Amino acid sequence: MDEKIYLYLSQILDSINAIDNYLGEQRDFSSFQNSRMLRKAIEREIEVIGEATRRILDVQDDFPISNARQIIGTRNNIVHGYDKVDEAMIWSIILKHLPILKTEVESLLLKD
């Protein structure tokens, strides 16, 4: 695996793990909504995930990450539409998509 891709995958995994740590065992949408600091921290980690994904595709445009374009699009929406971030969408990403991405990234890192 390309050294840069390995670095970017490691950054993605680090951000996913950080989000897991921020949330702890309690996965409560209301607590998420009511904590500006938590929301902003998670949004920042999702930005990092999106940017690292974009950089991976810059190195290898057919790299096997599911929904890579959507990940990048979400990052762009957060960065450029920061005043219109949908909390429910972010919560859905946390619950539905990050576990899948984490599994994929861990598998890719183990292949190297």
PDB file of N, CA and C in Angstrom:
ATOM      1  N   MET A   1       0.843  -1.175   0.000  1.00  0.00           N
ATOM      2  CA  MET A   1       0.000   0.000   0.000  1.00  0.00           C
ATOM      3  C   MET A   1       0.893   1.245   0.000  1.00  0.00           C
ATOM      4  N   ASP A   2       0.469   2.238  -0.723  1.00  0.00           N
ATOM      5  CA  ASP A   2       1.173   3.513  -0.768  1.00  0.00           C
ATOM      6  C   ASP A   2       1.280   4.094   0.650  1.00  0.00           C
ATOM      7  N   GLU A   3       2.435   4.638   0.952  1.00  0.00           N
ATOM      8  CA  GLU A   3       2.696   5.184   2.290  1.00  0.00           C
ATOM      9  C   GLU A   3       1.716   6.308   2.656  1.00  0.00           C
ATOM     10  N   LYS A   4       1.385   7.155   1.681  1.00  0.00           N
ATOM     11  CA  LYS A   4       0.443   8.249   1.938  1.00  0.00           C
ATOM     12  C   LYS A   4      -0.945   7.699   2.245  1.00  0.00           C
ATOM     13  N   ILE A   5      -1.362   6.706   1.485  1.00  0.00           N
ATOM     14  CA  ILE A   5      -2.682   6.111   1.723  1.00  0.00           C
ATOM     15  C   ILE A   5      -2.737   5.499   3.111  1.00  0.00           C
ATOM     16  N   TYR A   6      -1.677   4.823   3.507  1.00  0.00           N
ATOM     17  CA  TYR A   6      -1.630   4.236   4.849  1.00  0.00           C
ATOM     18  C   TYR A   6      -1.785   5.332   5.914  1.00  0.00           C
ATOM     19  N   LEU A   7      -1.099   6.444   5.730  1.00  0.00           N
ATOM     20  CA  LEU A   7      -1.195   7.565   6.666  1.00  0.00           C
ATOM     21  C   LEU A   7      -2.623   8.099   6.726  1.00  0.00           C
ATOM     22  N   TYR A   8      -3.253   8.300   5.565  1.00  0.00           N
ATOM     23  CA  TYR A   8      -4.612   8.833   5.527  1.00  0.00           C
ATOM     24  C   TYR A   8      -5.616   7.869   6.151  1.00  0.00           C
ATOM     25  N   LEU A   9      -5.441   6.574   5.889  1.00  0.00           N
ATOM     26  CA  LEU A   9      -6.316   5.583   6.525  1.00  0.00           C
ATOM     27  C   LEU A   9      -6.157   5.614   8.047  1.00  0.00           C
ATOM     28  N   SER A  10      -4.937   5.778   8.499  1.00  0.00           N
ATOM     29  CA  SER A  10      -4.682   5.868   9.934  1.00  0.00           C
ATOM     30  C   SER A  10      -5.358   7.107  10.527  1.00  0.00           C
ATOM     31  N   GLN A  11      -5.356   8.204   9.785  1.00  0.00           N
ATOM     32  CA  GLN A  11      -6.021   9.423  10.248  1.00  0.00           C
ATOM     33  C   GLN A  11      -7.537   9.228  10.321  1.00  0.00           C
ATOM     34  N   ILE A  12      -8.095   8.529   9.350  1.00  0.00           N
ATOM     35  CA  ILE A  12      -9.533   8.237   9.363  1.00  0.00           C
ATOM     36  C   ILE A  12      -9.877   7.406  10.589  1.00  0.00           C
ATOM     37  N   LEU A  13      -9.115   6.354  10.819  1.00  0.00           N
ATOM     38  CA  LEU A  13      -9.367   5.494  11.971  1.00  0.00           C
ATOM     39  C   LEU A  13      -9.212   6.272  13.279  1.00  0.00           C
ATOM     40  N   ASP A  14      -8.213   7.116  13.352  1.00  0.00           N
ATOM     41  CA  ASP A  14      -8.008   7.935  14.547  1.00  0.00           C
ATOM     42  C   ASP A  14      -9.214   8.844  14.806  1.00  0.00           C
ATOM     43  N   SER A  15      -9.756   9.442  13.759  1.00  0.00           N
ATOM     44  CA  SER A  15     -10.923  10.317  13.916  1.00  0.00           C
ATOM     45  C   SER A  15     -12.171   9.541  14.320  1.00  0.00           C
ATOM     46  N   ILE A  16     -12.358   8.362  13.760  1.00  0.00           N
ATOM     47  CA  ILE A  16     -13.499   7.532  14.155  1.00  0.00           C
ATOM     48  C   ILE A  16     -13.373   7.146  15.622  1.00  0.00           C
ATOM     49  N   ASN A  17     -12.182   6.745  16.025  1.00  0.00           N
ATOM     50  CA  ASN A  17     -11.959   6.391  17.433  1.00  0.00           C
ATOM     51  C   ASN A  17     -12.162   7.590  18.351  1.00  0.00           C
ATOM     52  N   ALA A  18     -11.761   8.759  17.904  1.00  0.00           N
ATOM     53  CA  ALA A  18     -11.970   9.974  18.695  1.00  0.00           C
ATOM     54  C   ALA A  18     -13.467  10.236  18.889  1.00  0.00           C
ATOM     55  N   ILE A  19     -14.247  10.087  17.819  1.00  0.00           N
ATOM     56  CA  ILE A  19     -15.696  10.275  17.926  1.00  0.00           C
ATOM     57  C   ILE A  19     -16.274   9.279  18.925  1.00  0.00           C
ATOM     58  N   ASP A  20     -15.843   8.025  18.834  1.00  0.00           N
ATOM     59  CA  ASP A  20     -16.302   7.012  19.796  1.00  0.00           C
ATOM     60  C   ASP A  20     -15.959   7.431  21.225  1.00  0.00           C
ATOM     61  N   ASN A  21     -14.760   7.958  21.423  1.00  0.00           N
ATOM     62  CA  ASN A  21     -14.345   8.403  22.759  1.00  0.00           C
ATOM     63  C   ASN A  21     -15.150   9.608  23.231  1.00  0.00           C
ATOM     64  N   TYR A  22     -15.426  10.550  22.336  1.00  0.00           N
ATOM     65  CA  TYR A  22     -16.214  11.723  22.715  1.00  0.00           C
ATOM     66  C   TYR A  22     -17.600  11.319  23.200  1.00  0.00           C
ATOM     67  N   LEU A  23     -18.175  10.329  22.530  1.00  0.00           N
ATOM     68  CA  LEU A  23     -19.540   9.903  22.866  1.00  0.00           C
ATOM     69  C   LEU A  23     -19.585   8.983  24.078  1.00  0.00           C
ATOM     70  N   GLY A  24     -18.510   8.227  24.300  1.00  0.00           N
ATOM     71  CA  GLY A  24     -18.502   7.274  25.395  1.00  0.00           C
ATOM     72  C   GLY A  24     -19.548   6.200  25.182  1.00  0.00           C
ATOM     73  N   GLU A  25     -19.968   5.605  26.260  1.00  0.00           N
ATOM     74  CA  GLU A  25     -20.970   4.535  26.184  1.00  0.00           C
ATOM     75  C   GLU A  25     -22.364   5.079  25.894  1.00  0.00           C
ATOM     76  N   GLN A  26     -22.598   6.303  26.288  1.00  0.00           N
ATOM     77  CA  GLN A  26     -23.930   6.884  26.111  1.00  0.00           C
ATOM     78  C   GLN A  26     -24.073   7.414  24.689  1.00  0.00           C
ATOM     79  N   ARG A  27     -24.958   6.820  23.957  1.00  0.00           N
ATOM     80  CA  ARG A  27     -25.240   7.271  22.589  1.00  0.00           C
ATOM     81  C   ARG A  27     -26.630   7.881  22.581  1.00  0.00           C
ATOM     82  N   ASP A  28     -26.704   9.134  23.009  1.00  0.00           N
ATOM     83  CA  ASP A  28     -27.982   9.797  23.197  1.00  0.00           C
ATOM     84  C   ASP A  28     -28.047  11.041  22.317  1.00  0.00           C
ATOM     85  N   PHE A  29     -29.003  11.053  21.401  1.00  0.00           N
ATOM     86  CA  PHE A  29     -29.133  12.162  20.465  1.00  0.00           C
ATOM     87  C   PHE A  29     -29.395  13.476  21.190  1.00  0.00           C
ATOM     88  N   SER A  30     -30.189  13.435  22.222  1.00  0.00           N
ATOM     89  CA  SER A  30     -30.502  14.647  22.971  1.00  0.00           C
ATOM     90  C   SER A  30     -29.247  15.251  23.606  1.00  0.00           C
ATOM     91  N   SER A  31     -28.415  14.408  24.179  1.00  0.00           N
ATOM     92  CA  SER A  31     -27.156  14.898  24.768  1.00  0.00           C
ATOM     93  C   SER A  31     -26.257  15.487  23.684  1.00  0.00           C
ATOM     94  N   PHE A  32     -26.232  14.840  22.529  1.00  0.00           N
ATOM     95  CA  PHE A  32     -25.465  15.330  21.389  1.00  0.00           C
ATOM     96  C   PHE A  32     -25.973  16.711  20.967  1.00  0.00           C
ATOM     97  N   GLN A  33     -27.278  16.841  20.834  1.00  0.00           N
ATOM     98  CA  GLN A  33     -27.876  18.111  20.418  1.00  0.00           C
ATOM     99  C   GLN A  33     -27.596  19.234  21.409  1.00  0.00           C
ATOM    100  N   ASN A  34     -27.583  18.894  22.682  1.00  0.00           N
ATOM    101  CA  ASN A  34     -27.467  19.912  23.722  1.00  0.00           C
ATOM    102  C   ASN A  34     -26.034  20.294  24.069  1.00  0.00           C
ATOM    103  N   SER A  35     -25.068  19.651  23.439  1.00  0.00           N
ATOM    104  CA  SER A  35     -23.671  19.970  23.718  1.00  0.00           C
ATOM    105  C   SER A  35     -23.008  20.541  22.465  1.00  0.00           C
ATOM    106  N   ARG A  36     -22.898  21.847  22.419  1.00  0.00           N
ATOM    107  CA  ARG A  36     -22.256  22.499  21.275  1.00  0.00           C
ATOM    108  C   ARG A  36     -20.819  22.002  21.108  1.00  0.00           C
ATOM    109  N   MET A  37     -20.117  21.860  22.226  1.00  0.00           N
ATOM    110  CA  MET A  37     -18.732  21.411  22.158  1.00  0.00           C
ATOM    111  C   MET A  37     -18.632  20.017  21.537  1.00  0.00           C
ATOM    112  N   LEU A  38     -19.524  19.105  21.942  1.00  0.00           N
ATOM    113  CA  LEU A  38     -19.526  17.749  21.394  1.00  0.00           C
ATOM    114  C   LEU A  38     -19.852  17.780  19.905  1.00  0.00           C
ATOM    115  N   ARG A  39     -20.877  18.530  19.515  1.00  0.00           N
ATOM    116  CA  ARG A  39     -21.248  18.615  18.097  1.00  0.00           C
ATOM    117  C   ARG A  39     -20.083  19.135  17.257  1.00  0.00           C
ATOM    118  N   LYS A  40     -19.460  20.202  17.715  1.00  0.00           N
ATOM    119  CA  LYS A  40     -18.364  20.801  16.948  1.00  0.00           C
ATOM    120  C   LYS A  40     -17.149  19.882  16.881  1.00  0.00           C
ATOM    121  N   ALA A  41     -16.873  19.193  17.971  1.00  0.00           N
ATOM    122  CA  ALA A  41     -15.746  18.251  17.964  1.00  0.00           C
ATOM    123  C   ALA A  41     -15.987  17.129  16.964  1.00  0.00           C
ATOM    124  N   ILE A  42     -17.199  16.608  16.952  1.00  0.00           N
ATOM    125  CA  ILE A  42     -17.532  15.521  16.025  1.00  0.00           C
ATOM    126  C   ILE A  42     -17.534  16.023  14.586  1.00  0.00           C
ATOM    127  N   GLU A  43     -18.073  17.208  14.364  1.00  0.00           N
ATOM    128  CA  GLU A  43     -18.044  17.777  13.019  1.00  0.00           C
ATOM    129  C   GLU A  43     -16.600  17.909  12.536  1.00  0.00           C
ATOM    130  N   ARG A  44     -15.706  18.340  13.408  1.00  0.00           N
ATOM    131  CA  ARG A  44     -14.296  18.484  13.019  1.00  0.00           C
ATOM    132  C   ARG A  44     -13.691  17.147  12.641  1.00  0.00           C
ATOM    133  N   GLU A  45     -13.994  16.107  13.408  1.00  0.00           N
ATOM    134  CA  GLU A  45     -13.471  14.774  13.080  1.00  0.00           C
ATOM    135  C   GLU A  45     -14.032  14.286  11.745  1.00  0.00           C
ATOM    136  N   ILE A  46     -15.284  14.595  11.460  1.00  0.00           N
ATOM    137  CA  ILE A  46     -15.874  14.203  10.175  1.00  0.00           C
ATOM    138  C   ILE A  46     -15.209  14.985   9.034  1.00  0.00           C
ATOM    139  N   GLU A  47     -14.846  16.231   9.295  1.00  0.00           N
ATOM    140  CA  GLU A  47     -14.080  16.992   8.298  1.00  0.00           C
ATOM    141  C   GLU A  47     -12.752  16.298   7.999  1.00  0.00           C
ATOM    142  N   VAL A  48     -12.066  15.863   9.035  1.00  0.00           N
ATOM    143  CA  VAL A  48     -10.777  15.171   8.862  1.00  0.00           C
ATOM    144  C   VAL A  48     -10.981  13.882   8.064  1.00  0.00           C
ATOM    145  N   ILE A  49     -12.020  13.132   8.391  1.00  0.00           N
ATOM    146  CA  ILE A  49     -12.319  11.885   7.666  1.00  0.00           C
ATOM    147  C   ILE A  49     -12.543  12.188   6.187  1.00  0.00           C
ATOM    148  N   GLY A  50     -13.311  13.227   5.908  1.00  0.00           N
ATOM    149  CA  GLY A  50     -13.592  13.595   4.519  1.00  0.00           C
ATOM    150  C   GLY A  50     -12.364  14.059   3.771  1.00  0.00           C
ATOM    151  N   GLU A  51     -11.537  14.856   4.425  1.00  0.00           N
ATOM    152  CA  GLU A  51     -10.319  15.344   3.773  1.00  0.00           C
ATOM    153  C   GLU A  51      -9.332  14.209   3.533  1.00  0.00           C
ATOM    154  N   ALA A  52      -9.175  13.320   4.503  1.00  0.00           N
ATOM    155  CA  ALA A  52      -8.280  12.174   4.315  1.00  0.00           C
ATOM    156  C   ALA A  52      -8.786  11.279   3.185  1.00  0.00           C
ATOM    157  N   THR A  53     -10.087  11.115   3.098  1.00  0.00           N
ATOM    158  CA  THR A  53     -10.672  10.310   2.017  1.00  0.00           C
ATOM    159  C   THR A  53     -10.389  10.958   0.666  1.00  0.00           C
ATOM    160  N   ARG A  54     -10.548  12.271   0.589  1.00  0.00           N
ATOM    161  CA  ARG A  54     -10.253  12.974  -0.664  1.00  0.00           C
ATOM    162  C   ARG A  54      -8.794  12.793  -1.060  1.00  0.00           C
ATOM    163  N   ARG A  55      -7.915  12.877  -0.090  1.00  0.00           N
ATOM    164  CA  ARG A  55      -6.490  12.728  -0.388  1.00  0.00           C
ATOM    165  C   ARG A  55      -6.151  11.310  -0.837  1.00  0.00           C
ATOM    166  N   ILE A  56      -6.840  10.331  -0.281  1.00  0.00           N
ATOM    167  CA  ILE A  56      -6.651   8.945  -0.739  1.00  0.00           C
ATOM    168  C   ILE A  56      -7.041   8.834  -2.201  1.00  0.00           C
ATOM    169  N   LEU A  57      -8.193   9.398  -2.558  1.00  0.00           N
ATOM    170  CA  LEU A  57      -8.647   9.314  -3.943  1.00  0.00           C
ATOM    171  C   LEU A  57      -7.755  10.117  -4.879  1.00  0.00           C
ATOM    172  N   ASP A  58      -7.085  11.142  -4.353  1.00  0.00           N
ATOM    173  CA  ASP A  58      -6.106  11.868  -5.177  1.00  0.00           C
ATOM    174  C   ASP A  58      -4.927  10.970  -5.540  1.00  0.00           C
ATOM    175  N   VAL A  59      -4.559  10.078  -4.627  1.00  0.00           N
ATOM    176  CA  VAL A  59      -3.456   9.150  -4.878  1.00  0.00           C
ATOM    177  C   VAL A  59      -3.919   7.983  -5.740  1.00  0.00           C
ATOM    178  N   GLN A  60      -5.104   7.439  -5.425  1.00  0.00           N
ATOM    179  CA  GLN A  60      -5.633   6.284  -6.155  1.00  0.00           C
ATOM    180  C   GLN A  60      -7.146   6.434  -6.267  1.00  0.00           C
ATOM    181  N   ASP A  61      -7.601   6.879  -7.438  1.00  0.00           N
ATOM    182  CA  ASP A  61      -9.020   7.233  -7.579  1.00  0.00           C
ATOM    183  C   ASP A  61      -9.992   6.065  -7.484  1.00  0.00           C
ATOM    184  N   ASP A  62      -9.515   4.847  -7.560  1.00  0.00           N
ATOM    185  CA  ASP A  62     -10.403   3.686  -7.448  1.00  0.00           C
ATOM    186  C   ASP A  62     -10.194   2.938  -6.124  1.00  0.00           C
ATOM    187  N   PHE A  63      -9.677   3.645  -5.123  1.00  0.00           N
ATOM    188  CA  PHE A  63      -9.404   2.996  -3.846  1.00  0.00           C
ATOM    189  C   PHE A  63     -10.721   2.514  -3.221  1.00  0.00           C
ATOM    190  N   PRO A  64     -10.719   1.296  -2.672  1.00  0.00           N
ATOM    191  CA  PRO A  64     -11.976   0.673  -2.234  1.00  0.00           C
ATOM    192  C   PRO A  64     -12.480   1.129  -0.853  1.00  0.00           C
ATOM    193  N   ILE A  65     -13.022   2.348  -0.807  1.00  0.00           N
ATOM    194  CA  ILE A  65     -13.724   2.826   0.379  1.00  0.00           C
ATOM    195  C   ILE A  65     -15.165   3.063  -0.042  1.00  0.00           C
ATOM    196  N   SER A  66     -16.088   2.371   0.609  1.00  0.00           N
ATOM    197  CA  SER A  66     -17.510   2.541   0.288  1.00  0.00           C
ATOM    198  C   SER A  66     -17.932   3.979   0.539  1.00  0.00           C
ATOM    199  N   ASN A  67     -18.718   4.496  -0.357  1.00  0.00           N
ATOM    200  CA  ASN A  67     -19.303   5.834  -0.202  1.00  0.00           C
ATOM    201  C   ASN A  67     -18.262   6.945  -0.085  1.00  0.00           C
ATOM    202  N   ALA A  68     -17.116   6.763  -0.718  1.00  0.00           N
ATOM    203  CA  ALA A  68     -16.046   7.761  -0.607  1.00  0.00           C
ATOM    204  C   ALA A  68     -16.514   9.141  -1.069  1.00  0.00           C
ATOM    205  N   ARG A  69     -17.227   9.195  -2.157  1.00  0.00           N
ATOM    206  CA  ARG A  69     -17.679  10.505  -2.678  1.00  0.00           C
ATOM    207  C   ARG A  69     -18.664  11.163  -1.715  1.00  0.00           C
ATOM    208  N   GLN A  70     -19.529  10.356  -1.077  1.00  0.00           N
ATOM    209  CA  GLN A  70     -20.474  10.896  -0.108  1.00  0.00           C
ATOM    210  C   GLN A  70     -19.751  11.405   1.144  1.00  0.00           C
ATOM    211  N   ILE A  71     -18.693  10.702   1.538  1.00  0.00           N
ATOM    212  CA  ILE A  71     -17.885  11.128   2.689  1.00  0.00           C
ATOM    213  C   ILE A  71     -17.274  12.500   2.398  1.00  0.00           C
ATOM    214  N   ILE A  72     -16.722  12.641   1.215  1.00  0.00           N
ATOM    215  CA  ILE A  72     -16.116  13.912   0.812  1.00  0.00           C
ATOM    216  C   ILE A  72     -17.189  15.000   0.726  1.00  0.00           C
ATOM    217  N   GLY A  73     -18.349  14.654   0.185  1.00  0.00           N
ATOM    218  CA  GLY A  73     -19.446  15.615   0.091  1.00  0.00           C
ATOM    219  C   GLY A  73     -19.926  16.087   1.454  1.00  0.00           C
ATOM    220  N   THR A  74     -19.979  15.176   2.403  1.00  0.00           N
ATOM    221  CA  THR A  74     -20.376  15.550   3.762  1.00  0.00           C
ATOM    222  C   THR A  74     -19.362  16.516   4.358  1.00  0.00           C
ATOM    223  N   ARG A  75     -18.090  16.220   4.158  1.00  0.00           N
ATOM    224  CA  ARG A  75     -17.036  17.128   4.631  1.00  0.00           C
ATOM    225  C   ARG A  75     -17.221  18.504   4.032  1.00  0.00           C
ATOM    226  N   ASN A  76     -17.478  18.568   2.731  1.00  0.00           N
ATOM    227  CA  ASN A  76     -17.665  19.854   2.064  1.00  0.00           C
ATOM    228  C   ASN A  76     -18.884  20.595   2.609  1.00  0.00           C
ATOM    229  N   ASN A  77     -19.962  19.858   2.873  1.00  0.00           N
ATOM    230  CA  ASN A  77     -21.165  20.489   3.430  1.00  0.00           C
ATOM    231  C   ASN A  77     -20.899  21.085   4.807  1.00  0.00           C
ATOM    232  N   ILE A  78     -20.121  20.387   5.617  1.00  0.00           N
ATOM    233  CA  ILE A  78     -19.803  20.897   6.957  1.00  0.00           C
ATOM    234  C   ILE A  78     -18.909  22.133   6.855  1.00  0.00           C
ATOM    235  N   VAL A  79     -17.894  22.060   6.009  1.00  0.00           N
ATOM    236  CA  VAL A  79     -16.944  23.163   5.897  1.00  0.00           C
ATOM    237  C   VAL A  79     -17.596  24.396   5.271  1.00  0.00           C
ATOM    238  N   HIS A  80     -18.318  24.213   4.185  1.00  0.00           N
ATOM    239  CA  HIS A  80     -18.837  25.354   3.435  1.00  0.00           C
ATOM    240  C   HIS A  80     -20.254  25.747   3.836  1.00  0.00           C
ATOM    241  N   GLY A  81     -20.958  24.832   4.482  1.00  0.00           N
ATOM    242  CA  GLY A  81     -22.314  25.139   4.937  1.00  0.00           C
ATOM    243  C   GLY A  81     -22.423  25.003   6.429  1.00  0.00           C
ATOM    244  N   TYR A  82     -21.373  25.461   7.115  1.00  0.00           N
ATOM    245  CA  TYR A  82     -21.275  25.280   8.570  1.00  0.00           C
ATOM    246  C   TYR A  82     -22.500  25.789   9.317  1.00  0.00           C
ATOM    247  N   ASP A  83     -23.188  26.764   8.750  1.00  0.00           N
ATOM    248  CA  ASP A  83     -24.361  27.325   9.419  1.00  0.00           C
ATOM    249  C   ASP A  83     -25.634  26.537   9.126  1.00  0.00           C
ATOM    250  N   LYS A  84     -25.520  25.488   8.318  1.00  0.00           N
ATOM    251  CA  LYS A  84     -26.689  24.693   7.944  1.00  0.00           C
ATOM    252  C   LYS A  84     -26.488  23.204   8.208  1.00  0.00           C
ATOM    253  N   VAL A  85     -25.584  22.858   9.111  1.00  0.00           N
ATOM    254  CA  VAL A  85     -25.307  21.457   9.395  1.00  0.00           C
ATOM    255  C   VAL A  85     -26.526  20.838  10.078  1.00  0.00           C
ATOM    256  N   ASP A  86     -26.972  19.720   9.531  1.00  0.00           N
ATOM    257  CA  ASP A  86     -28.134  19.009  10.050  1.00  0.00           C
ATOM    258  C   ASP A  86     -27.683  18.028  11.130  1.00  0.00           C
ATOM    259  N   GLU A  87     -28.071  18.300  12.365  1.00  0.00           N
ATOM    260  CA  GLU A  87     -27.658  17.461  13.489  1.00  0.00           C
ATOM    261  C   GLU A  87     -28.144  16.018  13.328  1.00  0.00           C
ATOM    262  N   ALA A  88     -29.342  15.847  12.802  1.00  0.00           N
ATOM    263  CA  ALA A  88     -29.879  14.498  12.607  1.00  0.00           C
ATOM    264  C   ALA A  88     -29.065  13.731  11.573  1.00  0.00           C
ATOM    265  N   MET A  89     -28.600  14.427  10.543  1.00  0.00           N
ATOM    266  CA  MET A  89     -27.756  13.779   9.530  1.00  0.00           C
ATOM    267  C   MET A  89     -26.421  13.342  10.146  1.00  0.00           C
ATOM    268  N   ILE A  90     -25.826  14.214  10.943  1.00  0.00           N
ATOM    269  CA  ILE A  90     -24.558  13.868  11.593  1.00  0.00           C
ATOM    270  C   ILE A  90     -24.765  12.669  12.516  1.00  0.00           C
ATOM    271  N   TRP A  91     -25.851  12.667  13.266  1.00  0.00           N
ATOM    272  CA  TRP A  91     -26.146  11.557  14.173  1.00  0.00           C
ATOM    273  C   TRP A  91     -26.326  10.259  13.388  1.00  0.00           C
ATOM    274  N   SER A  92     -26.996  10.327  12.259  1.00  0.00           N
ATOM    275  CA  SER A  92     -27.183   9.156  11.410  1.00  0.00           C
ATOM    276  C   SER A  92     -25.847   8.622  10.907  1.00  0.00           C
ATOM    277  N   ILE A  93     -24.952   9.525  10.538  1.00  0.00           N
ATOM    278  CA  ILE A  93     -23.613   9.120  10.098  1.00  0.00           C
ATOM    279  C   ILE A  93     -22.896   8.391  11.228  1.00  0.00           C
ATOM    280  N   ILE A  94     -23.000   8.929  12.432  1.00  0.00           N
ATOM    281  CA  ILE A  94     -22.341   8.319  13.594  1.00  0.00           C
ATOM    282  C   ILE A  94     -22.851   6.895  13.817  1.00  0.00           C
ATOM    283  N   LEU A  95     -24.146   6.723  13.770  1.00  0.00           N
ATOM    284  CA  LEU A  95     -24.745   5.416  14.091  1.00  0.00           C
ATOM    285  C   LEU A  95     -24.669   4.410  12.955  1.00  0.00           C
ATOM    286  N   LYS A  96     -24.886   4.861  11.725  1.00  0.00           N
ATOM    287  CA  LYS A  96     -25.030   3.931  10.601  1.00  0.00           C
ATOM    288  C   LYS A  96     -23.769   3.764   9.765  1.00  0.00           C
ATOM    289  N   HIS A  97     -23.068   4.840   9.536  1.00  0.00           N
ATOM    290  CA  HIS A  97     -21.992   4.795   8.547  1.00  0.00           C
ATOM    291  C   HIS A  97     -20.587   4.660   9.139  1.00  0.00           C
ATOM    292  N   LEU A  98     -20.343   5.293  10.281  1.00  0.00           N
ATOM    293  CA  LEU A  98     -18.992   5.199  10.846  1.00  0.00           C
ATOM    294  C   LEU A  98     -18.602   3.783  11.254  1.00  0.00           C
ATOM    295  N   PRO A  99     -19.515   2.979  11.816  1.00  0.00           N
ATOM    296  CA  PRO A  99     -19.106   1.594  12.124  1.00  0.00           C
ATOM    297  C   PRO A  99     -18.673   0.807  10.886  1.00  0.00           C
ATOM    298  N   ILE A 100     -19.354   1.021   9.771  1.00  0.00           N
ATOM    299  CA  ILE A 100     -18.998   0.337   8.521  1.00  0.00           C
ATOM    300  C   ILE A 100     -17.646   0.838   8.024  1.00  0.00           C
ATOM    301  N   LEU A 101     -17.463   2.146   8.039  1.00  0.00           N
ATOM    302  CA  LEU A 101     -16.188   2.722   7.597  1.00  0.00           C
ATOM    303  C   LEU A 101     -15.050   2.238   8.487  1.00  0.00           C
ATOM    304  N   LYS A 102     -15.284   2.168   9.777  1.00  0.00           N
ATOM    305  CA  LYS A 102     -14.246   1.702  10.700  1.00  0.00           C
ATOM    306  C   LYS A 102     -13.822   0.282  10.363  1.00  0.00           C
ATOM    307  N   THR A 103     -14.776  -0.583  10.109  1.00  0.00           N
ATOM    308  CA  THR A 103     -14.472  -1.970   9.744  1.00  0.00           C
ATOM    309  C   THR A 103     -13.664  -2.025   8.455  1.00  0.00           C
ATOM    310  N   GLU A 104     -14.067  -1.247   7.466  1.00  0.00           N
ATOM    311  CA  GLU A 104     -13.345  -1.225   6.187  1.00  0.00           C
ATOM    312  C   GLU A 104     -11.909  -0.740   6.373  1.00  0.00           C
ATOM    313  N   VAL A 105     -11.738   0.347   7.101  1.00  0.00           N
ATOM    314  CA  VAL A 105     -10.409   0.928   7.278  1.00  0.00           C
ATOM    315  C   VAL A 105      -9.506  -0.020   8.061  1.00  0.00           C
ATOM    316  N   GLU A 106     -10.032  -0.603   9.116  1.00  0.00           N
ATOM    317  CA  GLU A 106      -9.233  -1.565   9.881  1.00  0.00           C
ATOM    318  C   GLU A 106      -8.791  -2.734   9.006  1.00  0.00           C
ATOM    319  N   SER A 107      -9.695  -3.216   8.170  1.00  0.00           N
ATOM    320  CA  SER A 107      -9.369  -4.317   7.269  1.00  0.00           C
ATOM    321  C   SER A 107      -8.287  -3.899   6.267  1.00  0.00           C
ATOM    322  N   LEU A 108      -8.403  -2.711   5.724  1.00  0.00           N
ATOM    323  CA  LEU A 108      -7.407  -2.229   4.765  1.00  0.00           C
ATOM    324  C   LEU A 108      -6.045  -2.053   5.421  1.00  0.00           C
ATOM    325  N   LEU A 109      -6.023  -1.549   6.637  1.00  0.00           N
ATOM    326  CA  LEU A 109      -4.759  -1.360   7.347  1.00  0.00           C
ATOM    327  C   LEU A 109      -4.109  -2.694   7.693  1.00  0.00           C
ATOM    328  N   LEU A 110      -4.915  -3.708   7.972  1.00  0.00           N
ATOM    329  CA  LEU A 110      -4.367  -5.025   8.291  1.00  0.00           C
ATOM    330  C   LEU A 110      -3.781  -5.719   7.070  1.00  0.00           C
ATOM    331  N   LYS A 111      -4.291  -5.384   5.891  1.00  0.00           N
ATOM    332  CA  LYS A 111      -3.787  -5.990   4.654  1.00  0.00           C
ATOM    333  C   LYS A 111      -2.350  -5.570   4.368  1.00  0.00           C
ATOM    334  N   ASP A 112      -1.979  -4.416   4.860  1.00  0.00           N
ATOM    335  CA  ASP A 112      -0.646  -3.876   4.547  1.00  0.00           C
ATOM    336  C   ASP A 112       0.451  -4.580   5.281  1.00  0.00           C
TER     337      ASP A 112
END
